[in-house]
Amino acid sequence: MLARCGSMVVVSNNGDGGHQAPLAAHHPLRDDDPVKVNSFWLDSRLTASPAGTVYSAHEDDGDSVMLMLLSAGAAADSAARARFAGEINSMHIDTVVARGGEGQSDGLMGVRYRDDDHPELPQLAAHAPWAALAFDGSLRAVEEADRVLTAVDLSRTPPLSEPAGPAYKLHWINDTAPGTTRSWPLGWPHRTDRAGWITVLVSFLLMILLTALALLLAILLFQNQPLVNAPQPIPSPASGSGSGSGEPQSGSPSESGSQSGSPIESPGDGGGPYSHSPSMNVPDGDESGPGAPSPNRRL
């Protein structure tokens, strides 16, 4: 079944054995292609010409559309912008989903105009004209977009008279980079519309698995570590000793008792161990402590 919407021809299969139109070919986006135009996320390239590029795009939770964006050269030429606006205004209102950019707010399709919600700065270039059309995925829809672009760059327009003189070429025909677009807020570094619940669930399970693996490796690394004894306490220096080494003096109890001034039994008076008679024993040189005066042997 053929349905004509203005200058847009849509082919559909009504299920009665009719011939189905071939599907359009999708090509990957390039590095210089924008990520988003207004509220439409770009998915793939459909076709391109010196006048602009046609993309497959979609809104958040919306259907797929065919978005035409003029090139930088065509967007800078007022005549090219006017030809593009005339082609969009001649379409049916059901074919045009949205439109925007410089010089696209007038005409019959002005009701489909969408203003770009972003901060306006005077030193920045104006947005390139664009239009989002209804897209059924067929090749015929892409051919219609090619017709609009060729009407903008005049590549298939026949001359009005016999050609004479030098060849004519548009001054912007070699500036084929995509036109100026800006999105606010910025779409980088992530695109939340791409992540479904399955992707989020798999990412969460993978994070839990990596965390458990890290804990297991930590347990295996530290469970066989040798035990470390506590450091020995530092002994305090003995009171009354002249040496500053702080090590306890070794010796028998009898030696320590004789050095500490305990009573010595006198052999002459037969007294007990508590006798207070003075002792005339002269300590040897080994028993005298460091710094003690040497005894006078004449006494």
C-alpha atoms as a PDB file:
ATOM      1  CA  MET A   1       0.000   0.000   0.000  1.00  0.00           C
ATOM      2  CA  LEU A   2       1.335   3.403  -0.991  1.00  0.00           C
ATOM      3  CA  ALA A   3       0.524   6.444   1.107  1.00  0.00           C
ATOM      4  CA  ARG A   4       1.651   9.905   0.029  1.00  0.00           C
ATOM      5  CA  CYS A   5       2.253  12.427   2.819  1.00  0.00           C
ATOM      6  CA  GLY A   6       3.068  15.655   1.008  1.00  0.00           C
ATOM      7  CA  SER A   7       6.326  14.884  -0.774  1.00  0.00           C
ATOM      8  CA  MET A   8       7.032  11.887   1.487  1.00  0.00           C
ATOM      9  CA  VAL A   9       6.022   8.494   0.112  1.00  0.00           C
ATOM     10  CA  VAL A  10       5.616   5.698   2.662  1.00  0.00           C
ATOM     11  CA  VAL A  11       5.418   2.057   1.615  1.00  0.00           C
ATOM     12  CA  SER A  12       3.811  -0.444   3.947  1.00  0.00           C
ATOM     13  CA  ASN A  13       2.930  -4.113   3.773  1.00  0.00           C
ATOM     14  CA  ASN A  14      -0.717  -4.789   4.566  1.00  0.00           C
ATOM     15  CA  GLY A  15      -0.192  -8.533   4.979  1.00  0.00           C
ATOM     16  CA  ASP A  16      -2.085  -9.611   1.801  1.00  0.00           C
ATOM     17  CA  GLY A  17       0.990 -10.759  -0.058  1.00  0.00           C
ATOM     18  CA  GLY A  18       1.966  -7.346  -1.371  1.00  0.00           C
ATOM     19  CA  HIS A  19       5.519  -6.472  -2.240  1.00  0.00           C
ATOM     20  CA  GLN A  20       7.481  -5.071   0.732  1.00  0.00           C
ATOM     21  CA  ALA A  21       9.835  -2.142   0.116  1.00  0.00           C
ATOM     22  CA  PRO A  22      13.559  -2.767   0.698  1.00  0.00           C
ATOM     23  CA  LEU A  23      14.988  -1.585   3.992  1.00  0.00           C
ATOM     24  CA  ALA A  24      17.464   1.241   4.308  1.00  0.00           C
ATOM     25  CA  ALA A  25      21.131   0.556   4.986  1.00  0.00           C
ATOM     26  CA  HIS A  26      22.561   1.862   8.262  1.00  0.00           C
ATOM     27  CA  HIS A  27      26.178   2.994   8.553  1.00  0.00           C
ATOM     28  CA  PRO A  28      28.163   3.700  11.740  1.00  0.00           C
ATOM     29  CA  LEU A  29      28.579   7.224  13.025  1.00  0.00           C
ATOM     30  CA  ARG A  30      31.853   9.060  12.460  1.00  0.00           C
ATOM     31  CA  ASP A  31      34.014  10.907  14.933  1.00  0.00           C
ATOM     32  CA  ASP A  32      32.855  14.333  13.729  1.00  0.00           C
ATOM     33  CA  ASP A  33      29.159  13.455  13.954  1.00  0.00           C
ATOM     34  CA  PRO A  34      27.269  14.967  16.877  1.00  0.00           C
ATOM     35  CA  VAL A  35      25.970  12.717  19.615  1.00  0.00           C
ATOM     36  CA  LYS A  36      22.686  14.521  20.045  1.00  0.00           C
ATOM     37  CA  VAL A  37      20.659  17.093  18.098  1.00  0.00           C
ATOM     38  CA  ASN A  38      18.133  18.883  20.302  1.00  0.00           C
ATOM     39  CA  SER A  39      16.368  15.982  22.060  1.00  0.00           C
ATOM     40  CA  PHE A  40      17.221  13.327  19.447  1.00  0.00           C
ATOM     41  CA  TRP A  41      20.009  10.791  20.005  1.00  0.00           C
ATOM     42  CA  LEU A  42      21.780   9.838  16.779  1.00  0.00           C
ATOM     43  CA  ASP A  43      21.995   6.104  16.106  1.00  0.00           C
ATOM     44  CA  SER A  44      23.451   5.645  12.616  1.00  0.00           C
ATOM     45  CA  ARG A  45      24.084   7.281   9.245  1.00  0.00           C
ATOM     46  CA  LEU A  46      21.653   6.730   6.409  1.00  0.00           C
ATOM     47  CA  THR A  47      23.007   8.917   3.587  1.00  0.00           C
ATOM     48  CA  ALA A  48      25.063  12.069   3.044  1.00  0.00           C
ATOM     49  CA  SER A  49      25.669  14.721   0.405  1.00  0.00           C
ATOM     50  CA  PRO A  50      27.564  18.037   0.238  1.00  0.00           C
ATOM     51  CA  ALA A  51      24.428  19.744   1.553  1.00  0.00           C
ATOM     52  CA  GLY A  52      24.061  17.665   4.716  1.00  0.00           C
ATOM     53  CA  THR A  53      23.785  14.297   6.401  1.00  0.00           C
ATOM     54  CA  VAL A  54      20.784  12.092   7.170  1.00  0.00           C
ATOM     55  CA  TYR A  55      20.789  10.104  10.425  1.00  0.00           C
ATOM     56  CA  SER A  56      18.628   7.541  12.110  1.00  0.00           C
ATOM     57  CA  ALA A  57      17.735   8.978  15.513  1.00  0.00           C
ATOM     58  CA  HIS A  58      15.328   8.595  18.411  1.00  0.00           C
ATOM     59  CA  GLU A  59      14.122  10.464  21.465  1.00  0.00           C
ATOM     60  CA  ASP A  60      14.045   9.076  24.995  1.00  0.00           C
ATOM     61  CA  ASP A  61      11.437   6.292  24.898  1.00  0.00           C
ATOM     62  CA  GLY A  62      10.415   7.445  21.421  1.00  0.00           C
ATOM     63  CA  ASP A  63      10.142   5.976  17.937  1.00  0.00           C
ATOM     64  CA  SER A  64      12.894   6.069  15.362  1.00  0.00           C
ATOM     65  CA  VAL A  65      12.989   9.142  13.114  1.00  0.00           C
ATOM     66  CA  MET A  66      15.029  10.286  10.134  1.00  0.00           C
ATOM     67  CA  LEU A  67      16.964  13.440  11.015  1.00  0.00           C
ATOM     68  CA  MET A  68      18.417  15.688   8.325  1.00  0.00           C
ATOM     69  CA  LEU A  69      21.207  18.082   9.386  1.00  0.00           C
ATOM     70  CA  LEU A  70      22.697  20.611   6.976  1.00  0.00           C
ATOM     71  CA  SER A  71      26.453  20.766   6.563  1.00  0.00           C
ATOM     72  CA  ALA A  72      28.542  23.640   7.857  1.00  0.00           C
ATOM     73  CA  GLY A  73      28.854  25.175   4.386  1.00  0.00           C
ATOM     74  CA  ALA A  74      25.128  25.009   3.607  1.00  0.00           C
ATOM     75  CA  ALA A  75      24.190  26.277   7.077  1.00  0.00           C
ATOM     76  CA  ALA A  76      26.344  29.381   6.538  1.00  0.00           C
ATOM     77  CA  ASP A  77      24.557  30.276   3.273  1.00  0.00           C
ATOM     78  CA  SER A  78      21.237  32.069   3.646  1.00  0.00           C
ATOM     79  CA  ALA A  79      20.021  30.866   0.227  1.00  0.00           C
ATOM     80  CA  ALA A  80      20.694  27.241   1.149  1.00  0.00           C
ATOM     81  CA  ARG A  81      18.857  27.670   4.468  1.00  0.00           C
ATOM     82  CA  ALA A  82      15.870  29.158   2.607  1.00  0.00           C
ATOM     83  CA  ARG A  83      15.764  26.265   0.108  1.00  0.00           C
ATOM     84  CA  PHE A  84      15.861  23.744   2.961  1.00  0.00           C
ATOM     85  CA  ALA A  85      13.057  25.544   4.823  1.00  0.00           C
ATOM     86  CA  GLY A  86      10.949  25.589   1.633  1.00  0.00           C
ATOM     87  CA  GLU A  87      11.316  21.829   1.175  1.00  0.00           C
ATOM     88  CA  ILE A  88      10.281  21.147   4.778  1.00  0.00           C
ATOM     89  CA  ASN A  89       7.316  23.532   4.568  1.00  0.00           C
ATOM     90  CA  SER A  90       5.993  21.676   1.497  1.00  0.00           C
ATOM     91  CA  MET A  91       5.691  18.379   3.407  1.00  0.00           C
ATOM     92  CA  HIS A  92       2.647  17.057   5.224  1.00  0.00           C
ATOM     93  CA  ILE A  93       2.361  17.952   8.888  1.00  0.00           C
ATOM     94  CA  ASP A  94       2.293  14.273   9.881  1.00  0.00           C
ATOM     95  CA  THR A  95       5.614  13.688   8.098  1.00  0.00           C
ATOM     96  CA  VAL A  96       7.500  16.412   9.973  1.00  0.00           C
ATOM     97  CA  VAL A  97       8.081  15.406  13.601  1.00  0.00           C
ATOM     98  CA  ALA A  98      10.218  18.392  14.584  1.00  0.00           C
ATOM     99  CA  ARG A  99      12.501  21.026  13.102  1.00  0.00           C
ATOM    100  CA  GLY A 100      14.965  23.586  14.393  1.00  0.00           C
ATOM    101  CA  GLY A 101      18.008  25.674  13.701  1.00  0.00           C
ATOM    102  CA  GLU A 102      18.538  29.076  12.140  1.00  0.00           C
ATOM    103  CA  GLY A 103      15.762  30.319   9.881  1.00  0.00           C
ATOM    104  CA  GLN A 104      13.421  27.354  10.421  1.00  0.00           C
ATOM    105  CA  SER A 105      10.711  28.896  12.611  1.00  0.00           C
ATOM    106  CA  ASP A 106       8.631  30.364   9.763  1.00  0.00           C
ATOM    107  CA  GLY A 107       6.257  28.808   7.264  1.00  0.00           C
ATOM    108  CA  LEU A 108       3.582  26.147   7.476  1.00  0.00           C
ATOM    109  CA  MET A 109       5.746  23.835   9.556  1.00  0.00           C
ATOM    110  CA  GLY A 110       6.536  26.569  12.071  1.00  0.00           C
ATOM    111  CA  VAL A 111       4.322  24.711  14.566  1.00  0.00           C
ATOM    112  CA  ARG A 112       6.928  21.922  14.588  1.00  0.00           C
ATOM    113  CA  TYR A 113       9.756  24.286  15.449  1.00  0.00           C
ATOM    114  CA  ARG A 114      11.695  23.453  18.628  1.00  0.00           C
ATOM    115  CA  ASP A 115      13.910  25.996  20.279  1.00  0.00           C
ATOM    116  CA  ASP A 116      17.217  24.722  21.628  1.00  0.00           C
ATOM    117  CA  ASP A 117      17.248  24.919  25.430  1.00  0.00           C
ATOM    118  CA  HIS A 118      20.832  25.950  26.158  1.00  0.00           C
ATOM    119  CA  PRO A 119      22.695  29.093  27.256  1.00  0.00           C
ATOM    120  CA  GLU A 120      22.947  31.617  24.421  1.00  0.00           C
ATOM    121  CA  LEU A 121      26.340  33.241  23.857  1.00  0.00           C
ATOM    122  CA  PRO A 122      26.788  35.951  21.208  1.00  0.00           C
ATOM    123  CA  GLN A 123      30.238  34.758  20.137  1.00  0.00           C
ATOM    124  CA  LEU A 124      28.999  31.276  19.223  1.00  0.00           C
ATOM    125  CA  ALA A 125      27.773  30.330  15.764  1.00  0.00           C
ATOM    126  CA  ALA A 126      24.080  29.796  15.131  1.00  0.00           C
ATOM    127  CA  HIS A 127      22.692  26.295  15.045  1.00  0.00           C
ATOM    128  CA  ALA A 128      22.546  24.555  11.704  1.00  0.00           C
ATOM    129  CA  PRO A 129      19.050  23.874  10.301  1.00  0.00           C
ATOM    130  CA  TRP A 130      17.712  20.373  10.928  1.00  0.00           C
ATOM    131  CA  ALA A 131      14.464  18.464  10.519  1.00  0.00           C
ATOM    132  CA  ALA A 132      13.223  15.183  11.997  1.00  0.00           C
ATOM    133  CA  LEU A 133      10.892  13.224   9.705  1.00  0.00           C
ATOM    134  CA  ALA A 134       8.806  10.121  10.276  1.00  0.00           C
ATOM    135  CA  PHE A 135      10.813   7.025   9.381  1.00  0.00           C
ATOM    136  CA  ASP A 136       9.532   3.533   8.641  1.00  0.00           C
ATOM    137  CA  GLY A 137      12.971   2.058   7.912  1.00  0.00           C
ATOM    138  CA  SER A 138      12.434   1.780   4.163  1.00  0.00           C
ATOM    139  CA  LEU A 139      14.861   2.738   1.427  1.00  0.00           C
ATOM    140  CA  ARG A 140      12.220   4.921  -0.220  1.00  0.00           C
ATOM    141  CA  ALA A 141      12.231   7.257   2.801  1.00  0.00           C
ATOM    142  CA  VAL A 142      16.010   7.653   2.498  1.00  0.00           C
ATOM    143  CA  GLU A 143      15.647   8.441  -1.198  1.00  0.00           C
ATOM    144  CA  GLU A 144      13.178  11.190  -0.299  1.00  0.00           C
ATOM    145  CA  ALA A 145      15.759  12.663   2.107  1.00  0.00           C
ATOM    146  CA  ASP A 146      18.322  12.575  -0.724  1.00  0.00           C
ATOM    147  CA  ARG A 147      15.903  14.518  -2.902  1.00  0.00           C
ATOM    148  CA  VAL A 148      15.628  17.245  -0.252  1.00  0.00           C
ATOM    149  CA  LEU A 149      19.414  17.533   0.057  1.00  0.00           C
ATOM    150  CA  THR A 150      19.954  17.706  -3.697  1.00  0.00           C
ATOM    151  CA  ALA A 151      17.387  20.509  -3.841  1.00  0.00           C
ATOM    152  CA  VAL A 152      19.526  22.414  -1.343  1.00  0.00           C
ATOM    153  CA  ASP A 153      22.885  22.012  -3.122  1.00  0.00           C
ATOM    154  CA  LEU A 154      21.331  22.335  -6.666  1.00  0.00           C
ATOM    155  CA  SER A 155      23.353  19.347  -7.872  1.00  0.00           C
ATOM    156  CA  ARG A 156      20.442  17.946  -9.916  1.00  0.00           C
ATOM    157  CA  THR A 157      18.701  21.210 -10.787  1.00  0.00           C
ATOM    158  CA  PRO A 158      18.709  21.721 -14.565  1.00  0.00           C
ATOM    159  CA  PRO A 159      20.065  25.027 -15.847  1.00  0.00           C
ATOM    160  CA  LEU A 160      17.610  27.711 -16.839  1.00  0.00           C
ATOM    161  CA  SER A 161      19.308  28.287 -20.219  1.00  0.00           C
ATOM    162  CA  GLU A 162      22.061  26.884 -22.352  1.00  0.00           C
ATOM    163  CA  PRO A 163      25.355  26.614 -20.436  1.00  0.00           C
ATOM    164  CA  ALA A 164      27.871  29.253 -21.483  1.00  0.00           C
ATOM    165  CA  GLY A 165      31.021  30.560 -19.946  1.00  0.00           C
ATOM    166  CA  PRO A 166      32.913  29.058 -17.002  1.00  0.00           C
ATOM    167  CA  ALA A 167      31.462  26.283 -14.900  1.00  0.00           C
ATOM    168  CA  TYR A 168      29.469  27.269 -11.833  1.00  0.00           C
ATOM    169  CA  LYS A 169      29.994  25.773  -8.397  1.00  0.00           C
ATOM    170  CA  LEU A 170      28.621  26.805  -5.025  1.00  0.00           C
ATOM    171  CA  HIS A 171      31.229  28.442  -2.807  1.00  0.00           C
ATOM    172  CA  TRP A 172      30.402  26.187   0.160  1.00  0.00           C
ATOM    173  CA  ILE A 173      30.195  22.895  -1.713  1.00  0.00           C
ATOM    174  CA  ASN A 174      33.467  21.556  -0.244  1.00  0.00           C
ATOM    175  CA  ASP A 175      32.588  22.367   3.389  1.00  0.00           C
ATOM    176  CA  THR A 176      30.792  19.103   4.116  1.00  0.00           C
ATOM    177  CA  ALA A 177      31.376  18.855   7.870  1.00  0.00           C
ATOM    178  CA  PRO A 178      28.196  18.498   9.983  1.00  0.00           C
ATOM    179  CA  GLY A 179      26.626  21.795  10.950  1.00  0.00           C
ATOM    180  CA  THR A 180      26.943  23.411  14.358  1.00  0.00           C
ATOM    181  CA  THR A 181      24.940  21.704  17.088  1.00  0.00           C
ATOM    182  CA  ARG A 182      24.976  22.025  20.865  1.00  0.00           C
ATOM    183  CA  SER A 183      23.223  20.060  23.589  1.00  0.00           C
ATOM    184  CA  TRP A 184      22.537  21.126  27.143  1.00  0.00           C
ATOM    185  CA  PRO A 185      23.229  19.507  29.499  1.00  0.00           C
ATOM    186  CA  LEU A 186      26.173  17.738  27.931  1.00  0.00           C
ATOM    187  CA  GLY A 187      25.696  14.119  26.896  1.00  0.00           C
ATOM    188  CA  TRP A 188      29.232  13.122  27.961  1.00  0.00           C
ATOM    189  CA  PRO A 189      30.466  10.988  29.745  1.00  0.00           C
ATOM    190  CA  HIS A 190      27.521   8.616  29.672  1.00  0.00           C
ATOM    191  CA  ARG A 191      24.252   8.150  27.873  1.00  0.00           C
ATOM    192  CA  THR A 192      21.606   6.911  30.257  1.00  0.00           C
ATOM    193  CA  ASP A 193      19.144   6.038  27.505  1.00  0.00           C
ATOM    194  CA  ARG A 194      21.424   3.233  26.309  1.00  0.00           C
ATOM    195  CA  ALA A 195      21.514   1.294  29.594  1.00  0.00           C
ATOM    196  CA  GLY A 196      18.580  -1.094  30.061  1.00  0.00           C
ATOM    197  CA  TRP A 197      17.758  -3.046  33.202  1.00  0.00           C
ATOM    198  CA  ILE A 198      19.674  -6.078  31.911  1.00  0.00           C
ATOM    199  CA  THR A 199      22.837  -4.004  31.478  1.00  0.00           C
ATOM    200  CA  VAL A 200      22.500  -2.520  34.960  1.00  0.00           C
ATOM    201  CA  LEU A 201      21.919  -5.987  36.494  1.00  0.00           C
ATOM    202  CA  VAL A 202      24.940  -7.497  34.756  1.00  0.00           C
ATOM    203  CA  SER A 203      27.129  -4.558  35.848  1.00  0.00           C
ATOM    204  CA  PHE A 204      25.945  -4.933  39.461  1.00  0.00           C
ATOM    205  CA  LEU A 205      26.641  -8.694  39.505  1.00  0.00           C
ATOM    206  CA  LEU A 206      30.060  -8.144  37.964  1.00  0.00           C
ATOM    207  CA  MET A 207      30.885  -5.568  40.641  1.00  0.00           C
ATOM    208  CA  ILE A 208      29.889  -8.029  43.397  1.00  0.00           C
ATOM    209  CA  LEU A 209      32.026 -10.763  41.800  1.00  0.00           C
ATOM    210  CA  LEU A 210      35.082  -8.523  41.624  1.00  0.00           C
ATOM    211  CA  THR A 211      34.608  -7.465  45.259  1.00  0.00           C
ATOM    212  CA  ALA A 212      34.373 -11.100  46.439  1.00  0.00           C
ATOM    213  CA  LEU A 213      37.465 -11.998  44.416  1.00  0.00           C
ATOM    214  CA  ALA A 214      39.421  -9.144  46.000  1.00  0.00           C
ATOM    215  CA  LEU A 215      38.419 -10.267  49.517  1.00  0.00           C
ATOM    216  CA  LEU A 216      39.411 -13.876  48.750  1.00  0.00           C
ATOM    217  CA  LEU A 217      42.834 -12.808  47.505  1.00  0.00           C
ATOM    218  CA  ALA A 218      43.378 -10.707  50.636  1.00  0.00           C
ATOM    219  CA  ILE A 219      42.515 -13.689  52.882  1.00  0.00           C
ATOM    220  CA  LEU A 220      44.833 -16.033  51.004  1.00  0.00           C
ATOM    221  CA  LEU A 221      47.708 -13.581  51.142  1.00  0.00           C
ATOM    222  CA  PHE A 222      47.557 -12.844  54.870  1.00  0.00           C
ATOM    223  CA  GLN A 223      46.424 -16.122  56.437  1.00  0.00           C
ATOM    224  CA  ASN A 224      49.905 -17.786  56.340  1.00  0.00           C
ATOM    225  CA  GLN A 225      51.910 -14.904  57.671  1.00  0.00           C
ATOM    226  CA  PRO A 226      54.322 -15.930  60.556  1.00  0.00           C
ATOM    227  CA  LEU A 227      53.467 -14.781  64.037  1.00  0.00           C
ATOM    228  CA  VAL A 228      55.521 -11.873  65.298  1.00  0.00           C
ATOM    229  CA  ASN A 229      56.511 -11.858  69.008  1.00  0.00           C
ATOM    230  CA  ALA A 230      55.893  -8.799  71.036  1.00  0.00           C
ATOM    231  CA  PRO A 231      59.039  -6.721  71.686  1.00  0.00           C
ATOM    232  CA  GLN A 232      60.809  -7.319  75.044  1.00  0.00           C
ATOM    233  CA  PRO A 233      60.355  -4.579  77.618  1.00  0.00           C
ATOM    234  CA  ILE A 234      63.373  -2.397  78.262  1.00  0.00           C
ATOM    235  CA  PRO A 235      64.634  -3.016  81.867  1.00  0.00           C
ATOM    236  CA  SER A 236      64.917  -0.007  84.116  1.00  0.00           C
ATOM    237  CA  PRO A 237      68.425   0.797  85.457  1.00  0.00           C
ATOM    238  CA  ALA A 238      69.227  -0.630  88.952  1.00  0.00           C
ATOM    239  CA  SER A 239      69.014   1.939  91.766  1.00  0.00           C
ATOM    240  CA  GLY A 240      72.304   2.815  93.471  1.00  0.00           C
ATOM    241  CA  SER A 241      74.534   1.383  90.772  1.00  0.00           C
ATOM    242  CA  GLY A 242      77.148   3.621  89.265  1.00  0.00           C
ATOM    243  CA  SER A 243      77.023   2.061  85.813  1.00  0.00           C
ATOM    244  CA  GLY A 244      74.612   3.503  83.294  1.00  0.00           C
ATOM    245  CA  SER A 245      74.206   0.312  81.272  1.00  0.00           C
ATOM    246  CA  GLY A 246      70.953  -0.645  83.027  1.00  0.00           C
ATOM    247  CA  GLU A 247      71.749  -4.390  83.034  1.00  0.00           C
ATOM    248  CA  PRO A 248      71.204  -6.277  86.301  1.00  0.00           C
ATOM    249  CA  GLN A 249      74.397  -7.409  88.039  1.00  0.00           C
ATOM    250  CA  SER A 250      74.897 -11.165  88.160  1.00  0.00           C
ATOM    251  CA  GLY A 251      76.269 -12.909  91.197  1.00  0.00           C
ATOM    252  CA  SER A 252      75.489 -15.330  94.040  1.00  0.00           C
ATOM    253  CA  PRO A 253      73.256 -14.291  96.920  1.00  0.00           C
ATOM    254  CA  SER A 254      76.240 -14.314  99.280  1.00  0.00           C
ATOM    255  CA  GLU A 255      78.056 -11.759  97.197  1.00  0.00           C
ATOM    256  CA  SER A 256      75.028  -9.541  96.959  1.00  0.00           C
ATOM    257  CA  GLY A 257      74.480  -9.792 100.679  1.00  0.00           C
ATOM    258  CA  SER A 258      78.055  -8.841 101.543  1.00  0.00           C
ATOM    259  CA  GLN A 259      77.950  -5.889  99.168  1.00  0.00           C
ATOM    260  CA  SER A 260      74.657  -4.569 100.533  1.00  0.00           C
ATOM    261  CA  GLY A 261      76.060  -4.075 104.068  1.00  0.00           C
ATOM    262  CA  SER A 262      74.442  -7.059 105.820  1.00  0.00           C
ATOM    263  CA  PRO A 263      75.957  -7.964 109.265  1.00  0.00           C
ATOM    264  CA  ILE A 264      79.064 -10.175 109.144  1.00  0.00           C
ATOM    265  CA  GLU A 265      79.692 -12.679 111.901  1.00  0.00           C
ATOM    266  CA  SER A 266      82.781 -11.822 113.928  1.00  0.00           C
ATOM    267  CA  PRO A 267      84.973 -14.899 114.738  1.00  0.00           C
ATOM    268  CA  GLY A 268      86.394 -13.358 117.942  1.00  0.00           C
ATOM    269  CA  ASP A 269      83.383 -12.611 120.084  1.00  0.00           C
ATOM    270  CA  GLY A 270      81.212 -15.642 119.184  1.00  0.00           C
ATOM    271  CA  GLY A 271      78.299 -13.437 118.415  1.00  0.00           C
ATOM    272  CA  GLY A 272      75.394 -14.430 116.216  1.00  0.00           C
ATOM    273  CA  PRO A 273      74.495 -13.121 112.904  1.00  0.00           C
ATOM    274  CA  TYR A 274      73.018  -9.979 114.504  1.00  0.00           C
ATOM    275  CA  SER A 275      76.306  -8.891 116.118  1.00  0.00           C
ATOM    276  CA  HIS A 276      77.100  -5.191 115.761  1.00  0.00           C
ATOM    277  CA  SER A 277      80.849  -5.503 116.210  1.00  0.00           C
ATOM    278  CA  PRO A 278      82.718  -3.787 113.422  1.00  0.00           C
ATOM    279  CA  SER A 279      84.345  -5.912 110.820  1.00  0.00           C
ATOM    280  CA  MET A 280      87.978  -5.359 109.943  1.00  0.00           C
ATOM    281  CA  ASN A 281      87.722  -7.272 106.655  1.00  0.00           C
ATOM    282  CA  VAL A 282      89.103  -5.355 103.813  1.00  0.00           C
ATOM    283  CA  PRO A 283      87.224  -5.902 100.581  1.00  0.00           C
ATOM    284  CA  ASP A 284      89.192  -7.067  97.661  1.00  0.00           C
ATOM    285  CA  GLY A 285      89.661  -4.986  94.622  1.00  0.00           C
ATOM    286  CA  ASP A 286      87.179  -7.106  92.716  1.00  0.00           C
ATOM    287  CA  GLU A 287      84.405  -6.575  95.241  1.00  0.00           C
ATOM    288  CA  SER A 288      84.685  -2.829  95.424  1.00  0.00           C
ATOM    289  CA  GLY A 289      82.215  -1.049  93.294  1.00  0.00           C
ATOM    290  CA  PRO A 290      83.182   1.374  90.612  1.00  0.00           C
ATOM    291  CA  GLY A 291      84.053   4.780  91.948  1.00  0.00           C
ATOM    292  CA  ALA A 292      84.604   3.557  95.563  1.00  0.00           C
ATOM    293  CA  PRO A 293      87.699   4.881  97.372  1.00  0.00           C
ATOM    294  CA  SER A 294      90.617   2.439  97.692  1.00  0.00           C
ATOM    295  CA  PRO A 295      91.089   1.221 101.283  1.00  0.00           C
ATOM    296  CA  ASN A 296      94.122   2.243 103.295  1.00  0.00           C
ATOM    297  CA  ARG A 297      95.855  -1.002 104.394  1.00  0.00           C
ATOM    298  CA  ARG A 298      97.873   0.676 107.160  1.00  0.00           C
ATOM    299  CA  LEU A 299      94.831   1.121 109.365  1.00  0.00           C
END
